């Protein structure tokens, strides 16, 4: 075969081909070997629109012999073509001649380039948002992740000392749910789940499944492990709950995961330095020292504030009757009910003994009412546990807007709590 013949064969067989269609009958009058190779047969004599569905996409072809250029997709063969079409008249036959060039690989490359350009633009925006909040808490991270990955629910697990802290976030309601779980061998298995892994809640420890159920997460939904790791002798893991529009593809992007790990591990190292000085050892909630620091720096001059004054009933009776271990369990259950509604702007404190305080920053009066309802529901759920401990908590709740007198609000919350305590006491029981 001569060089010219080889070049001609390459152009016809590998790059594209030519087909001619009778303008009167719509029948194919010529098709070269390129078409025979694609369709596996000689197409001459067949109706063009029956044999080649893409021919129907052809635009109007000029009558003056000018060439019409267009692109089409052969859905059956999953190929992209650039087409040059021209009206040709010869031997009393009028034909539309179409020259096809296969641009499938080019279009795939173009699609990939466009996709990655879009991803990196999105990633750059996410990185900027992350870096701006690098000194913030995990509560600030979860809504950003929900937006980026197009998901509705997620939960974050942090192993610290003898407990696993669990933060669940629901984007639709913008609610956080917090739990504290004993770090036993079964529960610790969650930190060994490979990043990017799909799993069911059946693989998780019972305490974690129970916490998810209390947070309203459907046990039948699939879970996806986004990332896990450790720093400063602490472990963490982040999971998404299945959602129809979730961006699963981005979950495997290592550059993105590195940014998320940076945020989490930076927060973990920062928190470890100050955690013990700010938290109550029994419940893991903020302590009175942290409250006094926040009172001086923040709580006096908010745009609005909600104050929840809590007191656990019957602690002395529990200690005297069943011992201090049972009393501790009562205190822990009370703390857990409050913890479940805390967030970046709702802070919970153990003030000492059976006294707790919750401060909601820059909230509306309706949000304060909603927080109280959620807390009551969480306490009711915890009291359904078959542990022999019923936790009754008296609560006084007040709301104030900018210009409020914090001390006056605290006094009012204390009075309301005391009134609630009297209502909840059974006949013959001591008020304090």
Protein backbone atom coordinates (compact mmCIF):
# COMPACT_ATOMS: atom_id res chain seq x y z
CA UNK A 1 0.00 0.00 0.00
CA UNK A 2 1.39 3.37 -0.97
CA UNK A 3 1.89 6.21 1.51
CA UNK A 4 -1.03 8.08 -0.02
CA UNK A 5 -3.24 5.03 0.32
CA UNK A 6 -2.18 4.51 3.95
CA UNK A 7 -2.90 8.16 4.82
CA UNK A 8 -6.27 7.91 3.08
CA UNK A 9 -7.11 4.72 4.97
CA UNK A 10 -6.11 6.34 8.27
CA UNK A 11 -8.29 9.39 7.63
CA UNK A 12 -11.26 7.28 6.56
CA UNK A 13 -11.01 4.41 9.03
CA UNK A 14 -9.68 6.06 12.19
CA UNK A 15 -10.62 9.75 12.16
CA UNK A 16 -13.92 9.95 10.34
CA UNK A 17 -15.83 9.12 7.20
CA UNK A 18 -18.26 10.26 4.51
CA UNK A 19 -21.91 9.38 3.91
CA UNK A 20 -24.25 10.69 1.18
CA UNK A 21 -28.04 10.80 1.50
CA UNK A 22 -30.48 11.28 -1.40
CA UNK A 23 -32.42 14.48 -0.66
CA UNK A 24 -35.49 13.10 -2.43
CA UNK A 25 -35.82 9.61 -0.97
CA UNK A 26 -33.78 9.97 2.22
CA UNK A 27 -31.90 6.80 1.31
CA UNK A 28 -28.16 6.36 1.79
CA UNK A 29 -26.44 6.28 -1.62
CA UNK A 30 -22.86 6.16 -0.38
CA UNK A 31 -21.11 5.19 2.88
CA UNK A 32 -17.40 4.51 3.18
CA UNK A 33 -15.64 1.89 5.35
CA UNK A 34 -15.77 4.14 8.41
CA UNK A 35 -19.53 3.64 8.59
CA UNK A 36 -19.27 -0.06 7.84
CA UNK A 37 -16.89 -0.35 10.78
CA UNK A 38 -19.23 1.52 13.15
CA UNK A 39 -22.52 -0.07 12.12
CA UNK A 40 -21.17 -3.45 11.13
CA UNK A 41 -22.78 -3.54 7.68
CA UNK A 42 -23.09 -1.80 4.31
CA UNK A 43 -25.62 1.02 4.80
CA UNK A 44 -26.24 1.80 1.14
CA UNK A 45 -29.96 1.59 0.33
CA UNK A 46 -31.13 2.00 3.93
CA UNK A 47 -33.17 5.01 5.05
CA UNK A 48 -30.72 7.41 6.69
CA UNK A 49 -32.93 8.36 9.66
CA UNK A 50 -33.58 4.69 10.46
CA UNK A 51 -29.93 3.66 10.25
CA UNK A 52 -28.36 6.74 11.87
CA UNK A 53 -30.54 8.47 14.48
CA UNK A 54 -28.14 11.42 14.75
CA UNK A 55 -28.95 12.48 11.17
CA UNK A 56 -32.15 14.04 12.51
CA UNK A 57 -30.05 16.68 14.29
CA UNK A 58 -28.78 18.07 10.98
CA UNK A 59 -29.45 21.82 10.61
CA UNK A 60 -30.55 23.41 7.36
CA UNK A 61 -27.93 22.95 4.63
CA UNK A 62 -27.38 26.00 2.34
CA UNK A 63 -28.64 25.67 -1.23
CA UNK A 64 -25.63 27.59 -2.59
CA UNK A 65 -23.17 24.81 -1.82
CA UNK A 66 -21.76 26.39 1.35
CA UNK A 67 -20.70 24.00 4.11
CA UNK A 68 -22.74 23.72 7.33
CA UNK A 69 -20.69 22.77 10.40
CA UNK A 70 -22.35 21.19 13.44
CA UNK A 71 -21.85 18.67 16.20
CA UNK A 72 -23.87 15.66 17.22
CA UNK A 73 -23.94 12.70 19.58
CA UNK A 74 -24.62 9.13 18.53
CA UNK A 75 -26.42 7.98 21.69
CA UNK A 76 -26.44 4.36 20.58
CA UNK A 77 -22.66 4.26 20.01
CA UNK A 78 -21.90 6.89 22.71
CA UNK A 79 -19.72 8.86 20.30
CA UNK A 80 -19.33 12.59 19.64
CA UNK A 81 -18.94 13.82 16.07
CA UNK A 82 -18.06 17.04 14.33
CA UNK A 83 -20.03 17.12 11.07
CA UNK A 84 -19.47 19.11 7.86
CA UNK A 85 -22.49 18.93 5.55
CA UNK A 86 -22.90 20.14 1.96
CA UNK A 87 -25.49 19.93 -0.82
CA UNK A 88 -24.04 18.11 -3.87
CA UNK A 89 -25.75 17.62 -7.26
CA UNK A 90 -24.42 15.20 -9.86
CA UNK A 91 -25.80 12.71 -12.42
CA UNK A 92 -29.34 13.97 -11.84
CA UNK A 93 -29.01 13.10 -8.14
CA UNK A 94 -29.21 15.62 -5.31
CA UNK A 95 -27.46 14.51 -2.15
CA UNK A 96 -26.56 15.79 1.27
CA UNK A 97 -22.98 14.73 1.87
CA UNK A 98 -21.89 14.52 5.51
CA UNK A 99 -18.26 14.25 6.58
CA UNK A 100 -17.89 13.04 10.16
CA UNK A 101 -14.87 13.51 12.42
CA UNK A 102 -14.83 11.49 15.64
CA UNK A 103 -14.16 13.95 18.52
CA UNK A 104 -15.22 11.61 21.34
CA UNK A 105 -11.89 11.68 23.19
CA UNK A 106 -11.62 15.44 22.82
CA UNK A 107 -15.10 15.95 24.25
CA UNK A 108 -14.34 13.63 27.16
CA UNK A 109 -11.14 15.57 27.88
CA UNK A 110 -13.00 18.86 27.61
CA UNK A 111 -15.64 17.56 30.01
CA UNK A 112 -12.97 16.45 32.48
CA UNK A 113 -11.15 19.78 32.27
CA UNK A 114 -14.41 21.70 32.79
CA UNK A 115 -15.34 19.46 35.71
CA UNK A 116 -11.99 19.90 37.44
CA UNK A 117 -11.92 23.64 36.83
CA UNK A 118 -15.34 23.85 38.44
CA UNK A 119 -14.19 21.66 41.34
CA UNK A 120 -11.05 23.67 42.03
CA UNK A 121 -13.01 26.92 41.93
CA UNK A 122 -15.41 25.41 44.46
CA UNK A 123 -12.48 24.07 46.50
CA UNK A 124 -10.79 27.49 46.56
CA UNK A 125 -13.96 29.03 48.00
CA UNK A 126 -14.20 26.27 50.60
CA UNK A 127 -10.54 26.67 51.58
CA UNK A 128 -11.04 30.40 52.07
CA UNK A 129 -14.08 29.80 54.27
CA UNK A 130 -12.19 27.15 56.27
CA UNK A 131 -9.14 29.36 56.83
CA UNK A 132 -11.33 32.26 57.95
CA UNK A 133 -12.83 30.01 60.64
CA UNK A 134 -9.70 28.03 61.49
CA UNK A 135 -9.87 29.13 65.11
CA UNK A 136 -13.57 28.28 65.45
CA UNK A 137 -15.21 25.15 66.86
CA UNK A 138 -16.51 22.02 65.16
CA UNK A 139 -19.98 23.58 65.22
CA UNK A 140 -18.83 26.08 62.59
CA UNK A 141 -17.38 23.37 60.36
CA UNK A 142 -20.46 21.16 60.01
CA UNK A 143 -22.75 23.66 58.19
CA UNK A 144 -19.93 24.43 55.73
CA UNK A 145 -19.54 20.72 54.99
CA UNK A 146 -23.29 20.30 54.54
CA UNK A 147 -23.31 23.08 51.93
CA UNK A 148 -20.21 21.86 50.11
CA UNK A 149 -21.17 18.19 49.89
CA UNK A 150 -24.91 18.85 49.41
CA UNK A 151 -26.05 16.75 52.33
CA UNK A 152 -28.56 17.23 55.14
CA UNK A 153 -27.30 15.25 58.15
CA UNK A 154 -23.90 14.37 59.59
CA UNK A 155 -22.19 13.50 62.85
CA UNK A 156 -18.75 14.12 64.28
CA UNK A 157 -17.09 11.88 66.88
CA UNK A 158 -14.22 12.92 69.12
CA UNK A 159 -12.49 10.56 71.55
CA UNK A 160 -11.23 12.40 74.60
CA UNK A 161 -10.03 10.54 77.73
CA UNK A 162 -12.66 7.96 78.74
CA UNK A 163 -15.47 9.32 76.58
CA UNK A 164 -16.50 9.88 72.98
CA UNK A 165 -18.20 13.19 72.33
CA UNK A 166 -20.70 13.13 69.47
CA UNK A 167 -22.10 16.16 67.63
CA UNK A 168 -24.97 15.55 65.22
CA UNK A 169 -26.03 18.29 62.79
CA UNK A 170 -29.25 18.63 60.78
CA UNK A 171 -28.98 21.26 58.04
CA UNK A 172 -32.73 21.42 57.40
CA UNK A 173 -33.54 22.43 60.97
CA UNK A 174 -30.10 23.94 61.72
CA UNK A 175 -30.15 21.96 64.96
CA UNK A 176 -27.24 20.36 66.79
CA UNK A 177 -27.61 17.31 69.02
CA UNK A 178 -24.84 16.41 71.45
CA UNK A 179 -24.12 13.15 73.23
CA UNK A 180 -21.38 11.70 75.43
CA UNK A 181 -20.60 8.00 75.11
CA UNK A 182 -18.35 5.72 77.10
CA UNK A 183 -15.20 4.94 75.09
CA UNK A 184 -15.37 1.15 75.42
CA UNK A 185 -13.80 -1.26 72.94
CA UNK A 186 -16.96 -1.60 70.83
CA UNK A 187 -17.51 2.15 70.55
CA UNK A 188 -13.84 2.81 69.70
CA UNK A 189 -14.22 0.64 66.60
CA UNK A 190 -15.82 3.61 64.83
CA UNK A 191 -12.39 5.25 64.51
CA UNK A 192 -11.02 2.29 62.54
CA UNK A 193 -13.54 2.67 59.69
CA UNK A 194 -11.73 3.52 56.46
CA UNK A 195 -12.26 6.98 54.96
CA UNK A 196 -14.67 6.98 52.03
CA UNK A 197 -16.34 3.79 53.23
CA UNK A 198 -20.07 3.18 52.82
CA UNK A 199 -21.67 1.37 55.74
CA UNK A 200 -24.90 0.80 57.64
CA UNK A 201 -25.53 1.84 61.22
CA UNK A 202 -25.56 -1.87 62.12
CA UNK A 203 -21.74 -1.74 62.19
CA UNK A 204 -21.72 0.88 64.92
CA UNK A 205 -21.74 0.33 68.68
CA UNK A 206 -25.13 0.28 70.37
CA UNK A 207 -24.47 3.53 72.26
CA UNK A 208 -23.70 5.33 68.99
CA UNK A 209 -26.78 3.88 67.28
CA UNK A 210 -28.89 4.99 70.24
CA UNK A 211 -27.46 8.52 70.04
CA UNK A 212 -28.23 8.65 66.31
CA UNK A 213 -31.78 7.51 66.94
CA UNK A 214 -32.25 10.18 69.62
CA UNK A 215 -30.99 12.74 67.08
CA UNK A 216 -33.72 11.62 64.67
CA UNK A 217 -31.46 9.90 62.11
CA UNK A 218 -33.16 7.08 60.22
CA UNK A 219 -31.37 3.81 61.03
CA UNK A 220 -32.15 2.49 57.51
CA UNK A 221 -30.14 5.21 55.76
CA UNK A 222 -26.62 4.48 54.58
CA UNK A 223 -23.68 6.21 56.22
CA UNK A 224 -20.51 7.45 54.56
CA UNK A 225 -17.21 7.91 56.35
CA UNK A 226 -15.67 11.18 55.14
CA UNK A 227 -12.44 11.14 57.11
CA UNK A 228 -10.90 10.01 60.36
CA UNK A 229 -7.60 10.50 62.13
CA UNK A 230 -5.94 11.51 65.35
CA UNK A 231 -3.76 14.11 66.99
CA UNK A 232 -2.52 14.78 70.53
CA UNK A 233 -3.61 11.30 71.70
CA UNK A 234 -7.17 12.00 70.56
CA UNK A 235 -9.15 10.36 67.76
CA UNK A 236 -11.84 11.77 65.49
CA UNK A 237 -14.20 10.56 62.74
CA UNK A 238 -16.69 12.39 60.52
CA UNK A 239 -19.70 10.74 58.87
CA UNK A 240 -22.41 11.81 56.43
CA UNK A 241 -25.91 10.38 56.30
CA UNK A 242 -27.10 9.36 52.84
CA UNK A 243 -28.88 12.08 50.86
CA UNK A 244 -30.19 11.96 47.28
CA UNK A 245 -28.23 15.03 46.10
CA UNK A 246 -25.05 14.28 48.05
CA UNK A 247 -21.79 14.96 46.18
CA UNK A 248 -20.13 11.56 46.67
CA UNK A 249 -17.52 12.22 43.99
CA UNK A 250 -15.92 15.10 45.91
CA UNK A 251 -15.68 12.91 49.02
CA UNK A 252 -12.68 11.14 47.47
CA UNK A 253 -10.70 14.30 46.68
CA UNK A 254 -7.58 14.11 48.84
CA UNK A 255 -6.84 17.84 48.53
CA UNK A 256 -10.23 18.63 49.99
CA UNK A 257 -9.91 16.04 52.76
CA UNK A 258 -6.53 17.49 53.73
CA UNK A 259 -8.15 20.91 54.27
CA UNK A 260 -10.87 19.36 56.44
CA UNK A 261 -8.33 17.39 58.49
CA UNK A 262 -6.31 20.59 58.98
CA UNK A 263 -9.35 22.33 60.43
CA UNK A 264 -10.29 19.45 62.72
CA UNK A 265 -6.78 18.71 63.98
CA UNK A 266 -6.03 22.39 64.54
CA UNK A 267 -9.19 22.65 66.64
CA UNK A 268 -8.31 19.49 68.56
CA UNK A 269 -4.82 20.70 69.46
CA UNK A 270 -6.12 24.13 70.49
CA UNK A 271 -8.90 22.65 72.59
CA UNK A 272 -6.64 20.14 74.31
CA UNK A 273 -4.56 22.99 75.75
CA UNK A 274 -7.53 24.56 77.49
CA UNK A 275 -10.10 21.75 77.81
CA UNK A 276 -9.38 20.62 81.38
CA UNK A 277 -9.39 24.15 82.77
CA UNK A 278 -12.80 24.95 81.22
CA UNK A 279 -14.74 21.69 81.64
CA UNK A 280 -16.38 19.83 84.49
CA UNK A 281 -14.71 16.47 85.04
CA UNK A 282 -17.90 14.48 85.73
CA UNK A 283 -20.17 15.72 82.93
CA UNK A 284 -17.77 17.17 80.34
CA UNK A 285 -19.79 20.41 80.27
CA UNK A 286 -18.29 23.86 80.70
CA UNK A 287 -17.51 24.68 84.35
CA UNK A 288 -18.23 27.74 86.46
CA UNK A 289 -14.81 29.24 85.70
CA UNK A 290 -15.57 29.23 81.98
CA UNK A 291 -18.97 30.80 82.68
CA UNK A 292 -17.41 33.64 84.69
CA UNK A 293 -14.92 34.31 81.88
CA UNK A 294 -17.74 34.42 79.28
CA UNK A 295 -19.84 36.60 81.57
CA UNK A 296 -17.06 39.18 81.69
CA UNK A 297 -16.23 39.07 77.97
CA UNK A 298 -19.52 38.30 76.18
CA UNK A 299 -22.77 37.86 78.05
CA UNK A 300 -23.34 41.41 79.27
CA UNK A 301 -23.62 43.03 75.83
CA UNK A 302 -25.30 40.65 73.37
CA UNK A 303 -28.00 41.75 70.94
CA UNK A 304 -30.31 39.30 72.73
CA UNK A 305 -29.97 36.54 75.30
CA UNK A 306 -31.82 33.50 76.61
CA UNK A 307 -31.01 32.28 80.13
CA UNK A 308 -31.96 28.78 81.30
CA UNK A 309 -31.49 28.11 85.00
CA UNK A 310 -31.65 24.38 85.84
CA UNK A 311 -31.69 22.48 89.10
CA UNK A 312 -31.84 18.66 89.32
CA UNK A 313 -34.41 17.45 91.82
CA UNK A 314 -33.77 14.80 94.48
CA UNK A 315 -29.97 14.59 94.28
CA UNK A 316 -29.61 14.45 98.09
CA UNK A 317 -32.26 11.72 98.33
CA UNK A 318 -30.51 9.72 95.58
CA UNK A 319 -27.14 10.05 97.33
CA UNK A 320 -28.56 9.13 100.75
CA UNK A 321 -30.62 6.19 99.47
CA UNK A 322 -28.49 4.63 96.73
CA UNK A 323 -25.05 6.17 97.19
CA UNK A 324 -23.00 8.83 95.46
CA UNK A 325 -22.42 6.69 92.36
CA UNK A 326 -26.16 6.72 91.69
CA UNK A 327 -26.18 10.47 92.39
CA UNK A 328 -23.44 10.95 89.81
CA UNK A 329 -25.47 9.03 87.26
CA UNK A 330 -28.43 11.32 87.96
CA UNK A 331 -26.22 14.38 87.42
CA UNK A 332 -24.79 12.92 84.19
CA UNK A 333 -28.28 12.23 82.81
CA UNK A 334 -29.30 15.81 83.58
CA UNK A 335 -26.15 17.12 81.87
CA UNK A 336 -26.80 14.92 78.83
CA UNK A 337 -30.27 16.41 78.35
CA UNK A 338 -28.78 19.92 78.26
CA UNK A 339 -25.77 18.95 76.14
CA UNK A 340 -28.05 17.69 73.36
CA UNK A 341 -29.30 21.20 72.56
CA UNK A 342 -26.03 23.12 72.92
CA UNK A 343 -24.22 24.55 69.90
CA UNK A 344 -21.78 27.31 68.96
CA UNK A 345 -24.22 29.93 70.27
CA UNK A 346 -25.93 27.89 73.01
CA UNK A 347 -23.55 27.13 75.90
CA UNK A 348 -24.15 24.72 78.76
CA UNK A 349 -22.49 24.92 82.21
CA UNK A 350 -22.39 22.83 85.35
CA UNK A 351 -22.30 25.47 88.05
CA UNK A 352 -21.74 22.97 90.85
CA UNK A 353 -23.60 20.11 92.52
CA UNK A 354 -27.05 19.79 90.94
CA UNK A 355 -27.09 23.27 89.36
CA UNK A 356 -26.77 23.90 85.61
CA UNK A 357 -26.98 26.97 83.44
CA UNK A 358 -27.51 27.40 79.71
CA UNK A 359 -26.93 30.67 77.85
CA UNK A 360 -28.30 31.22 74.32
CA UNK A 361 -26.57 34.09 72.50
CA UNK A 362 -28.20 36.38 69.91
CA UNK A 363 -31.38 34.37 69.57
CA UNK A 364 -35.03 35.28 69.07
CA UNK A 365 -37.70 34.72 71.69
CA UNK A 366 -39.17 31.98 69.48
CA UNK A 367 -35.78 30.26 69.32
CA UNK A 368 -35.58 30.31 73.12
CA UNK A 369 -39.02 28.69 73.34
CA UNK A 370 -37.95 26.09 70.76
CA UNK A 371 -34.79 25.32 72.75
CA UNK A 372 -36.85 24.73 75.87
CA UNK A 373 -39.17 22.36 73.99
CA UNK A 374 -36.24 20.45 72.52
CA UNK A 375 -34.56 20.16 75.93
CA UNK A 376 -37.77 18.86 77.51
CA UNK A 377 -38.12 16.30 74.70
CA UNK A 378 -34.50 15.16 75.12
CA UNK A 379 -34.92 14.75 78.88
CA UNK A 380 -38.11 12.75 78.32
CA UNK A 381 -36.27 10.47 75.88
CA UNK A 382 -33.39 9.92 78.29
CA UNK A 383 -35.88 9.01 80.99
CA UNK A 384 -37.18 6.16 78.84
CA UNK A 385 -33.84 4.36 79.30
CA UNK A 386 -34.15 1.34 81.55
CA UNK A 387 -31.45 2.37 84.02
CA UNK A 388 -33.67 2.86 87.06
CA UNK A 389 -32.96 6.59 87.23
CA UNK A 390 -35.65 9.18 86.61
CA UNK A 391 -34.20 12.63 86.21
CA UNK A 392 -36.50 15.54 87.11
CA UNK A 393 -35.16 19.02 86.45
CA UNK A 394 -36.67 22.33 87.45
CA UNK A 395 -36.14 25.09 84.91
CA UNK A 396 -36.47 28.85 84.82
CA UNK A 397 -36.21 30.47 81.39
CA UNK A 398 -36.02 34.18 80.58
CA UNK A 399 -35.32 36.25 77.47
CA UNK A 400 -33.82 39.71 77.07
CA UNK A 401 -32.94 42.07 74.22
CA UNK A 402 -30.08 44.55 73.88
CA UNK A 403 -29.89 46.83 76.89
CA UNK A 404 -30.97 44.03 79.25
CA UNK A 405 -29.83 43.87 82.87
CA UNK A 406 -28.05 40.51 83.09
CA UNK A 407 -28.18 40.31 86.89
CA UNK A 408 -31.92 41.07 86.88
CA UNK A 409 -32.52 38.37 84.26
CA UNK A 410 -30.53 35.85 86.29
CA UNK A 411 -32.58 36.66 89.39
CA UNK A 412 -35.81 36.26 87.42
CA UNK A 413 -34.62 32.91 85.97
CA UNK A 414 -33.76 31.71 89.47
CA UNK A 415 -37.21 32.67 90.79
CA UNK A 416 -38.93 30.90 87.89
CA UNK A 417 -36.79 27.82 88.45
CA UNK A 418 -37.74 27.77 92.14
CA UNK A 419 -41.44 28.02 91.25
CA UNK A 420 -41.03 25.15 88.78
CA UNK A 421 -39.22 23.09 91.43
CA UNK A 422 -42.16 23.50 93.82
CA UNK A 423 -44.58 22.36 91.10
CA UNK A 424 -42.53 19.25 90.30
CA UNK A 425 -41.94 18.17 93.90
CA UNK A 426 -44.14 15.39 95.21
CA UNK A 427 -46.05 15.85 98.47
CA UNK A 428 -43.71 15.61 101.45
CA UNK A 429 -40.50 16.11 99.46
CA UNK A 430 -38.09 18.84 100.43
CA UNK A 431 -37.86 21.80 98.10
CA UNK A 432 -34.05 21.88 98.16
